[in-house]
């Protein structure tokens, strides 16, 4: 059974974006369904930005129906041995250019190399 864990930053981002984009709950559930079959993603909407033996950090475009033909960026970690996902950050590209590298580094400190 795969587990989905949310970082405090992700929860904060989600709440802020949900105020603007009311379909976000449903959009996230659809995204999770994709991850259950393709944990590291599939296609050009997924980019592995960090890979090591214990975990992969993936930057993905998550479709949002409220945004019509645009998408949100979701940064998540996949731990294969535990079958767990950690959602690290969620943002709209128009408001934030890139992922927060400090968040990713902080997340990776939890796992010894």
C-alpha atoms as a PDB file:
ATOM      1  CA  UNK A   1       0.000   0.000   0.000  1.00  0.00           C
ATOM      2  CA  UNK A   2       1.427   3.326  -1.018  1.00  0.00           C
ATOM      3  CA  UNK A   3       1.369   6.194   1.455  1.00  0.00           C
ATOM      4  CA  UNK A   4       1.091   9.875   0.626  1.00  0.00           C
ATOM      5  CA  UNK A   5       2.640  12.283   3.123  1.00  0.00           C
ATOM      6  CA  UNK A   6       2.380  16.065   2.983  1.00  0.00           C
ATOM      7  CA  UNK A   7       5.093  18.421   4.171  1.00  0.00           C
ATOM      8  CA  UNK A   8       4.019  21.510   6.147  1.00  0.00           C
ATOM      9  CA  UNK A   9       5.111  23.722   3.217  1.00  0.00           C
ATOM     10  CA  UNK A  10       3.009  21.660   0.803  1.00  0.00           C
ATOM     11  CA  UNK A  11      -0.049  21.908   3.065  1.00  0.00           C
ATOM     12  CA  UNK A  12       0.389  25.687   3.320  1.00  0.00           C
ATOM     13  CA  UNK A  13       0.782  26.028  -0.474  1.00  0.00           C
ATOM     14  CA  UNK A  14      -2.219  23.774  -1.051  1.00  0.00           C
ATOM     15  CA  UNK A  15      -4.482  25.828   1.229  1.00  0.00           C
ATOM     16  CA  UNK A  16      -3.448  29.091  -0.441  1.00  0.00           C
ATOM     17  CA  UNK A  17      -3.922  27.725  -3.962  1.00  0.00           C
ATOM     18  CA  UNK A  18      -7.213  26.021  -3.070  1.00  0.00           C
ATOM     19  CA  UNK A  19      -8.719  29.445  -2.366  1.00  0.00           C
ATOM     20  CA  UNK A  20      -8.076  30.381  -6.004  1.00  0.00           C
ATOM     21  CA  UNK A  21      -8.472  27.015  -7.708  1.00  0.00           C
ATOM     22  CA  UNK A  22     -11.456  25.128  -6.329  1.00  0.00           C
ATOM     23  CA  UNK A  23     -10.847  21.962  -8.359  1.00  0.00           C
ATOM     24  CA  UNK A  24      -7.505  21.382  -6.628  1.00  0.00           C
ATOM     25  CA  UNK A  25      -8.767  18.611  -4.294  1.00  0.00           C
ATOM     26  CA  UNK A  26     -10.040  16.542  -7.198  1.00  0.00           C
ATOM     27  CA  UNK A  27      -7.002  17.353  -9.343  1.00  0.00           C
ATOM     28  CA  UNK A  28      -4.666  16.103  -6.597  1.00  0.00           C
ATOM     29  CA  UNK A  29      -6.602  12.835  -6.299  1.00  0.00           C
ATOM     30  CA  UNK A  30      -6.247  12.267 -10.052  1.00  0.00           C
ATOM     31  CA  UNK A  31      -2.524  12.994  -9.763  1.00  0.00           C
ATOM     32  CA  UNK A  32      -2.194  10.439  -6.954  1.00  0.00           C
ATOM     33  CA  UNK A  33      -3.917   7.838  -9.137  1.00  0.00           C
ATOM     34  CA  UNK A  34      -1.246   8.374 -11.812  1.00  0.00           C
ATOM     35  CA  UNK A  35       1.508   7.968  -9.215  1.00  0.00           C
ATOM     36  CA  UNK A  36       0.079   4.646  -8.049  1.00  0.00           C
ATOM     37  CA  UNK A  37       0.755   3.151 -11.475  1.00  0.00           C
ATOM     38  CA  UNK A  38       3.827   5.232 -12.438  1.00  0.00           C
ATOM     39  CA  UNK A  39       5.659   6.311  -9.243  1.00  0.00           C
ATOM     40  CA  UNK A  40       8.432   8.224 -11.017  1.00  0.00           C
ATOM     41  CA  UNK A  41       5.977   9.634 -13.529  1.00  0.00           C
ATOM     42  CA  UNK A  42       5.477   9.106 -17.206  1.00  0.00           C
ATOM     43  CA  UNK A  43       5.971  11.369 -20.184  1.00  0.00           C
ATOM     44  CA  UNK A  44       7.372  14.856 -20.438  1.00  0.00           C
ATOM     45  CA  UNK A  45       5.366  16.238 -17.510  1.00  0.00           C
ATOM     46  CA  UNK A  46       7.685  14.521 -15.023  1.00  0.00           C
ATOM     47  CA  UNK A  47      11.374  15.328 -14.489  1.00  0.00           C
ATOM     48  CA  UNK A  48      13.580  13.560 -11.967  1.00  0.00           C
ATOM     49  CA  UNK A  49      15.611  16.373 -10.409  1.00  0.00           C
ATOM     50  CA  UNK A  50      17.439  14.253  -7.829  1.00  0.00           C
ATOM     51  CA  UNK A  51      18.056  10.530  -7.786  1.00  0.00           C
ATOM     52  CA  UNK A  52      19.836   8.349  -5.305  1.00  0.00           C
ATOM     53  CA  UNK A  53      19.476   4.819  -4.066  1.00  0.00           C
ATOM     54  CA  UNK A  54      17.044   5.632  -1.267  1.00  0.00           C
ATOM     55  CA  UNK A  55      14.833   8.198  -2.967  1.00  0.00           C
ATOM     56  CA  UNK A  56      13.957  10.098  -6.121  1.00  0.00           C
ATOM     57  CA  UNK A  57      12.837  13.732  -6.148  1.00  0.00           C
ATOM     58  CA  UNK A  58      10.509  14.496  -9.044  1.00  0.00           C
ATOM     59  CA  UNK A  59       9.231  17.795 -10.403  1.00  0.00           C
ATOM     60  CA  UNK A  60       5.879  17.300 -12.110  1.00  0.00           C
ATOM     61  CA  UNK A  61       3.261  19.317 -13.891  1.00  0.00           C
ATOM     62  CA  UNK A  62      -0.101  18.682 -12.306  1.00  0.00           C
ATOM     63  CA  UNK A  63      -3.118  19.521 -14.413  1.00  0.00           C
ATOM     64  CA  UNK A  64      -5.588  21.851 -12.731  1.00  0.00           C
ATOM     65  CA  UNK A  65      -9.021  22.186 -14.319  1.00  0.00           C
ATOM     66  CA  UNK A  66      -9.468  25.668 -12.821  1.00  0.00           C
ATOM     67  CA  UNK A  67      -6.417  26.821 -14.773  1.00  0.00           C
ATOM     68  CA  UNK A  68      -7.800  25.366 -18.023  1.00  0.00           C
ATOM     69  CA  UNK A  69      -4.778  24.611 -20.220  1.00  0.00           C
ATOM     70  CA  UNK A  70      -2.086  25.473 -17.658  1.00  0.00           C
ATOM     71  CA  UNK A  71      -0.727  23.464 -14.780  1.00  0.00           C
ATOM     72  CA  UNK A  72       0.715  23.666 -11.292  1.00  0.00           C
ATOM     73  CA  UNK A  73       4.171  22.394 -10.350  1.00  0.00           C
ATOM     74  CA  UNK A  74       4.389  19.699  -7.722  1.00  0.00           C
ATOM     75  CA  UNK A  75       7.672  18.554  -6.179  1.00  0.00           C
ATOM     76  CA  UNK A  76       7.532  15.130  -4.579  1.00  0.00           C
ATOM     77  CA  UNK A  77       9.828  12.411  -3.307  1.00  0.00           C
ATOM     78  CA  UNK A  78       9.321   8.723  -3.949  1.00  0.00           C
ATOM     79  CA  UNK A  79      10.875   6.188  -1.591  1.00  0.00           C
ATOM     80  CA  UNK A  80      10.758   2.878  -3.405  1.00  0.00           C
ATOM     81  CA  UNK A  81      11.682   0.597  -0.511  1.00  0.00           C
ATOM     82  CA  UNK A  82       8.859   1.960   1.684  1.00  0.00           C
ATOM     83  CA  UNK A  83       6.441   2.580  -1.180  1.00  0.00           C
ATOM     84  CA  UNK A  84       5.930   6.119   0.111  1.00  0.00           C
ATOM     85  CA  UNK A  85       5.423   9.507  -1.477  1.00  0.00           C
ATOM     86  CA  UNK A  86       6.260  12.825   0.183  1.00  0.00           C
ATOM     87  CA  UNK A  87       4.709  15.898  -1.384  1.00  0.00           C
ATOM     88  CA  UNK A  88       7.261  18.645  -0.736  1.00  0.00           C
ATOM     89  CA  UNK A  89       6.044  21.730  -2.593  1.00  0.00           C
ATOM     90  CA  UNK A  90       3.194  22.937  -4.795  1.00  0.00           C
ATOM     91  CA  UNK A  91       3.224  26.197  -6.739  1.00  0.00           C
ATOM     92  CA  UNK A  92       1.895  28.022  -9.775  1.00  0.00           C
ATOM     93  CA  UNK A  93       4.607  28.801 -12.319  1.00  0.00           C
ATOM     94  CA  UNK A  94       3.204  32.302 -12.865  1.00  0.00           C
ATOM     95  CA  UNK A  95       3.819  33.169  -9.200  1.00  0.00           C
ATOM     96  CA  UNK A  96       7.075  31.300  -8.535  1.00  0.00           C
ATOM     97  CA  UNK A  97       9.737  30.542 -11.145  1.00  0.00           C
ATOM     98  CA  UNK A  98      11.409  27.430  -9.715  1.00  0.00           C
ATOM     99  CA  UNK A  99      11.217  24.913  -6.908  1.00  0.00           C
ATOM    100  CA  UNK A 100      12.720  25.890  -3.567  1.00  0.00           C
ATOM    101  CA  UNK A 101      16.066  24.048  -3.486  1.00  0.00           C
ATOM    102  CA  UNK A 102      16.428  24.647   0.266  1.00  0.00           C
ATOM    103  CA  UNK A 103      13.243  22.634   0.894  1.00  0.00           C
ATOM    104  CA  UNK A 104      14.584  19.724  -1.141  1.00  0.00           C
ATOM    105  CA  UNK A 105      17.946  19.790   0.659  1.00  0.00           C
ATOM    106  CA  UNK A 106      16.178  19.899   4.011  1.00  0.00           C
ATOM    107  CA  UNK A 107      14.028  16.935   3.016  1.00  0.00           C
ATOM    108  CA  UNK A 108      17.053  14.895   1.866  1.00  0.00           C
ATOM    109  CA  UNK A 109      18.808  15.375   5.234  1.00  0.00           C
ATOM    110  CA  UNK A 110      16.281  12.901   6.694  1.00  0.00           C
ATOM    111  CA  UNK A 111      17.741  10.041   4.692  1.00  0.00           C
ATOM    112  CA  UNK A 112      21.299   8.819   5.147  1.00  0.00           C
ATOM    113  CA  UNK A 113      23.218   8.129   1.945  1.00  0.00           C
END
